[in-house]
Amino acid sequence: MCKRNIILLAILAIFTAGCNKTMNEVLESLGSRNNTEDESYDDGWEAVKLAKETRYYNDFLGFSYAVPRGWWLYSVNEENLSESRGGIEGDIAMDIYFHTFLGYSYSSAWLLAFGNLETSDQDNHLGFDIDARFLENVNGMGGFMEYFEAYMLEPDEGVEYRLTGSRQIPIKGVPFEVRDYLVTQDDYRDYNIITFSCPTKAGYFLNIKVDYWPENTRAKDAIIDSVTRAIEFY
């Protein structure tokens, strides 16, 4: 290899390392900070800080999701998620409880909740919630999103959700509907939500909902990067 090519490759390696370092620094600053307050997440979870990355599997839906090392695990549905493939056989709780809402017959399974901090009141907070839904006679994303906004984002009194952006992006070869919301509250400060929704198999939909404070201006890119790294389909 000629000397010129060696120099060009060296420059490229330095540039790439710099880009990776920048993104890693962003994720680190949003990630494993210790909380200074002696309380669990939202006073309702017994949060556990993970010493290593932990991946959870659902064989029925054919996906896995990894919670990063140093992040706080708020809760996990062990009936529907396992730390190894083959640990969950069949749909388990997915089809046990059926409900009806606005003409939609559905069943649901909440799966996983985690975040980068133990409490949610710091400006760099990211909070992840993952669940799965089955809707009778609904296979397309249009039908699911209509149901999603009517039910899953149904506001409490004094709370309003406003859609601020939407787009479709592929993640690991699967098309996701990604939507941004501003949530306004009468009694507390406003916050932002990003939702990632996709079909997994006929009638089944996976949804990832992430909340963060508007002051966290770097959150959106870090969230998309985190979801892209963490989710796998099989």
Protein backbone atom coordinates (compact mmCIF):
# COMPACT_ATOMS: atom_id res chain seq x y z
CA MET A 1 0.00 0.00 0.00
CA CYS A 2 1.41 3.40 -0.95
CA LYS A 3 2.31 5.98 1.68
CA ARG A 4 -0.47 8.34 0.52
CA ASN A 5 -3.16 5.68 1.07
CA ILE A 6 -1.81 4.88 4.51
CA ILE A 7 -2.02 8.57 5.50
CA LEU A 8 -5.60 8.84 4.17
CA LEU A 9 -6.67 5.75 6.09
CA ALA A 10 -5.11 7.11 9.27
CA ILE A 11 -6.96 10.43 8.87
CA LEU A 12 -10.24 8.55 8.25
CA ALA A 13 -9.73 6.40 11.36
CA ILE A 14 -9.13 9.50 13.50
CA PHE A 15 -12.24 11.21 12.09
CA THR A 16 -14.40 8.12 12.66
CA ALA A 17 -13.15 7.70 16.21
CA GLY A 18 -13.95 11.35 16.86
CA CYS A 19 -17.53 10.92 15.60
CA ASN A 20 -18.04 7.81 17.71
CA LYS A 21 -16.59 9.53 20.74
CA THR A 22 -18.98 12.46 20.28
CA MET A 23 -22.06 10.20 20.16
CA ASN A 24 -20.76 8.12 23.06
CA GLU A 25 -20.23 11.27 25.08
CA VAL A 26 -23.81 12.34 24.35
CA LEU A 27 -25.18 8.97 25.45
CA GLU A 28 -22.92 8.97 28.50
CA SER A 29 -24.09 12.43 29.54
CA LEU A 30 -27.68 11.28 29.18
CA GLY A 31 -27.00 7.92 30.73
CA SER A 32 -25.35 6.60 33.83
CA ARG A 33 -25.38 9.57 36.18
CA ASN A 34 -25.99 8.74 39.78
CA ASN A 35 -29.03 10.32 41.32
CA THR A 36 -28.34 12.54 44.31
CA GLU A 37 -31.75 12.00 45.88
CA ASP A 38 -32.48 9.02 48.06
CA GLU A 39 -35.73 7.92 46.46
CA SER A 40 -36.91 5.44 43.87
CA TYR A 41 -38.22 6.41 40.44
CA ASP A 42 -41.43 8.46 40.77
CA ASP A 43 -41.83 6.99 44.28
CA GLY A 44 -43.52 4.02 42.63
CA TRP A 45 -40.69 1.81 41.38
CA GLU A 46 -37.88 -0.02 43.09
CA ALA A 47 -35.28 0.94 40.51
CA VAL A 48 -32.16 -1.21 40.09
CA LYS A 49 -29.02 0.10 38.40
CA LEU A 50 -27.73 -2.50 35.94
CA ALA A 51 -24.11 -3.55 36.28
CA LYS A 52 -24.13 -4.96 32.73
CA GLU A 53 -26.24 -4.65 29.60
CA THR A 54 -29.27 -6.91 29.91
CA ARG A 55 -31.21 -8.14 26.88
CA TYR A 56 -34.81 -9.36 27.14
CA TYR A 57 -36.48 -11.68 24.61
CA ASN A 58 -40.06 -12.40 23.53
CA ASP A 59 -40.05 -15.43 21.24
CA PHE A 60 -43.74 -15.18 20.39
CA LEU A 61 -43.40 -11.64 18.99
CA GLY A 62 -39.88 -12.32 17.73
CA PHE A 63 -38.01 -9.37 19.18
CA SER A 64 -35.49 -8.56 21.90
CA TYR A 65 -34.52 -5.34 23.62
CA ALA A 66 -31.35 -4.48 25.54
CA VAL A 67 -31.29 -2.17 28.56
CA PRO A 68 -27.87 -0.44 28.66
CA ARG A 69 -25.34 -0.96 31.41
CA GLY A 70 -25.51 1.75 34.05
CA TRP A 71 -29.18 2.50 33.37
CA TRP A 72 -31.98 1.94 35.87
CA LEU A 73 -34.41 -0.95 35.45
CA TYR A 74 -37.76 0.15 36.83
CA SER A 75 -39.77 -3.00 36.14
CA VAL A 76 -39.96 -5.99 33.78
CA ASN A 77 -42.86 -8.32 32.94
CA GLU A 78 -41.21 -11.71 33.43
CA GLU A 79 -44.29 -13.53 32.11
CA ASN A 80 -43.63 -12.07 28.66
CA LEU A 81 -39.89 -11.44 28.66
CA SER A 82 -36.92 -13.72 29.28
CA GLU A 83 -33.17 -13.05 29.48
CA SER A 84 -32.58 -15.82 26.91
CA ARG A 85 -34.20 -17.02 23.73
CA GLY A 86 -36.55 -19.92 24.21
CA GLY A 87 -37.57 -18.78 27.68
CA ILE A 88 -41.08 -17.67 26.68
CA GLU A 89 -43.29 -20.18 24.89
CA GLY A 90 -46.48 -19.00 23.22
CA ASP A 91 -48.34 -15.76 23.73
CA ILE A 92 -48.67 -16.22 27.54
CA ALA A 93 -50.68 -13.24 28.80
CA MET A 94 -51.17 -11.53 25.44
CA ASP A 95 -54.57 -13.04 24.63
CA ILE A 96 -56.00 -13.62 28.09
CA TYR A 97 -57.70 -10.29 28.73
CA PHE A 98 -59.76 -8.76 25.95
CA HIS A 99 -61.29 -5.33 26.09
CA THR A 100 -63.29 -3.09 23.76
CA PHE A 101 -62.58 0.58 23.11
CA LEU A 102 -64.23 2.73 20.42
CA GLY A 103 -65.16 -0.42 18.54
CA TYR A 104 -61.67 -1.93 18.79
CA SER A 105 -61.33 -5.35 20.42
CA TYR A 106 -57.83 -5.60 21.86
CA SER A 107 -55.58 -7.33 24.35
CA SER A 108 -52.36 -5.92 25.70
CA ALA A 109 -49.19 -6.77 27.59
CA TRP A 110 -47.03 -4.17 29.26
CA LEU A 111 -43.44 -5.39 28.95
CA LEU A 112 -40.60 -3.22 30.20
CA ALA A 113 -39.81 0.12 31.87
CA PHE A 114 -36.35 1.61 32.34
CA GLY A 115 -34.48 4.91 32.20
CA ASN A 116 -31.14 6.60 32.42
CA LEU A 117 -31.79 7.98 35.91
CA GLU A 118 -33.34 6.69 39.10
CA THR A 119 -35.74 9.63 39.38
CA SER A 120 -37.55 11.50 36.63
CA ASP A 121 -37.22 15.09 37.81
CA GLN A 122 -33.76 15.87 36.37
CA ASP A 123 -33.52 17.70 33.05
CA ASN A 124 -31.49 14.91 31.39
CA HIS A 125 -34.08 12.24 32.25
CA LEU A 126 -35.09 9.66 29.61
CA GLY A 127 -37.87 7.21 30.52
CA PHE A 128 -38.64 4.18 28.32
CA ASP A 129 -41.87 2.15 28.44
CA ILE A 130 -42.47 -0.81 26.08
CA ASP A 131 -45.70 -2.70 25.54
CA ALA A 132 -47.40 -4.88 22.94
CA ARG A 133 -51.00 -4.90 21.71
CA PHE A 134 -53.19 -7.26 19.72
CA LEU A 135 -56.06 -5.68 17.76
CA GLU A 136 -58.74 -7.83 16.15
CA ASN A 137 -59.15 -7.20 12.42
CA VAL A 138 -56.37 -4.57 12.38
CA ASN A 139 -53.14 -5.36 10.57
CA GLY A 140 -52.10 -2.00 9.11
CA MET A 141 -50.27 0.77 10.94
CA GLY A 142 -52.99 3.28 10.06
CA GLY A 143 -55.58 1.39 12.09
CA PHE A 144 -53.20 0.87 14.98
CA MET A 145 -52.19 4.53 15.15
CA GLU A 146 -55.84 5.60 15.17
CA TYR A 147 -56.43 3.32 18.14
CA PHE A 148 -53.12 4.33 19.73
CA GLU A 149 -53.85 8.04 19.79
CA ALA A 150 -57.42 7.51 20.98
CA TYR A 151 -56.56 5.07 23.78
CA MET A 152 -52.90 5.04 24.76
CA LEU A 153 -52.54 8.81 24.60
CA GLU A 154 -55.93 9.55 26.10
CA PRO A 155 -55.14 12.43 28.47
CA ASP A 156 -56.06 12.73 32.09
CA GLU A 157 -57.88 15.80 33.29
CA GLY A 158 -55.60 18.81 32.97
CA VAL A 159 -53.24 17.03 30.53
CA GLU A 160 -53.14 17.52 26.75
CA TYR A 161 -51.12 15.75 24.03
CA ARG A 162 -50.21 17.74 20.93
CA LEU A 163 -48.65 16.02 17.91
CA THR A 164 -45.59 18.01 16.81
CA GLY A 165 -44.09 15.68 14.20
CA SER A 166 -44.33 12.28 12.54
CA ARG A 167 -42.22 10.23 10.19
CA GLN A 168 -41.57 6.66 9.14
CA ILE A 169 -38.10 5.20 9.61
CA PRO A 170 -36.72 1.68 9.16
CA ILE A 171 -34.97 0.13 12.15
CA LYS A 172 -33.25 -3.21 11.64
CA GLY A 173 -35.30 -3.67 8.45
CA VAL A 174 -38.67 -3.07 10.17
CA PRO A 175 -40.75 0.03 9.33
CA PHE A 176 -41.52 2.16 12.41
CA GLU A 177 -44.04 4.96 12.75
CA VAL A 178 -42.28 7.59 14.88
CA ARG A 179 -44.29 10.43 16.41
CA ASP A 180 -43.38 13.40 18.61
CA TYR A 181 -45.76 14.89 21.17
CA LEU A 182 -45.69 17.84 23.52
CA VAL A 183 -47.57 17.06 26.72
CA THR A 184 -48.92 20.07 28.59
CA GLN A 185 -50.03 19.82 32.20
CA ASP A 186 -52.00 22.25 34.33
CA ASP A 187 -50.25 21.37 37.58
CA TYR A 188 -46.68 20.66 36.43
CA ARG A 189 -44.19 21.56 33.71
CA ASP A 190 -44.61 20.35 30.14
CA TYR A 191 -42.68 17.40 28.77
CA ASN A 192 -42.02 15.61 25.46
CA ILE A 193 -42.79 12.09 24.27
CA ILE A 194 -41.44 10.14 21.29
CA THR A 195 -43.29 6.98 20.30
CA PHE A 196 -41.98 4.14 18.11
CA SER A 197 -44.67 1.78 16.79
CA CYS A 198 -44.37 -1.20 14.45
CA PRO A 199 -46.19 -4.41 13.51
CA THR A 200 -44.57 -7.63 14.72
CA LYS A 201 -46.92 -10.30 13.38
CA ALA A 202 -50.50 -10.37 12.09
CA GLY A 203 -52.61 -8.19 14.39
CA TYR A 204 -49.78 -7.54 16.88
CA PHE A 205 -48.05 -4.22 17.40
CA LEU A 206 -45.05 -3.20 19.47
CA ASN A 207 -44.89 0.27 20.97
CA ILE A 208 -41.98 2.10 22.62
CA LYS A 209 -42.82 5.34 24.41
CA VAL A 210 -40.01 7.61 25.64
CA ASP A 211 -40.53 10.73 27.74
CA TYR A 212 -38.04 13.53 28.33
CA TRP A 213 -37.95 17.17 29.41
CA PRO A 214 -37.85 19.91 26.71
CA GLU A 215 -34.70 21.26 28.38
CA ASN A 216 -32.91 18.11 27.22
CA THR A 217 -32.15 19.42 23.73
CA ARG A 218 -29.95 16.43 22.83
CA ALA A 219 -32.53 13.83 23.81
CA LYS A 220 -34.19 13.15 20.46
CA ASP A 221 -31.05 12.02 18.60
CA ALA A 222 -29.87 10.03 21.62
CA ILE A 223 -33.25 8.26 21.89
CA ILE A 224 -33.30 7.24 18.23
CA ASP A 225 -29.71 6.03 18.49
CA SER A 226 -30.50 4.10 21.68
CA VAL A 227 -33.58 2.35 20.18
CA THR A 228 -31.65 1.49 17.01
CA ARG A 229 -28.85 -0.08 19.03
CA ALA A 230 -31.10 -1.92 21.50
CA ILE A 231 -33.83 -3.58 19.44
CA GLU A 232 -33.40 -6.79 17.45
CA PHE A 233 -35.91 -8.89 15.49
CA TYR A 234 -35.72 -12.64 14.85
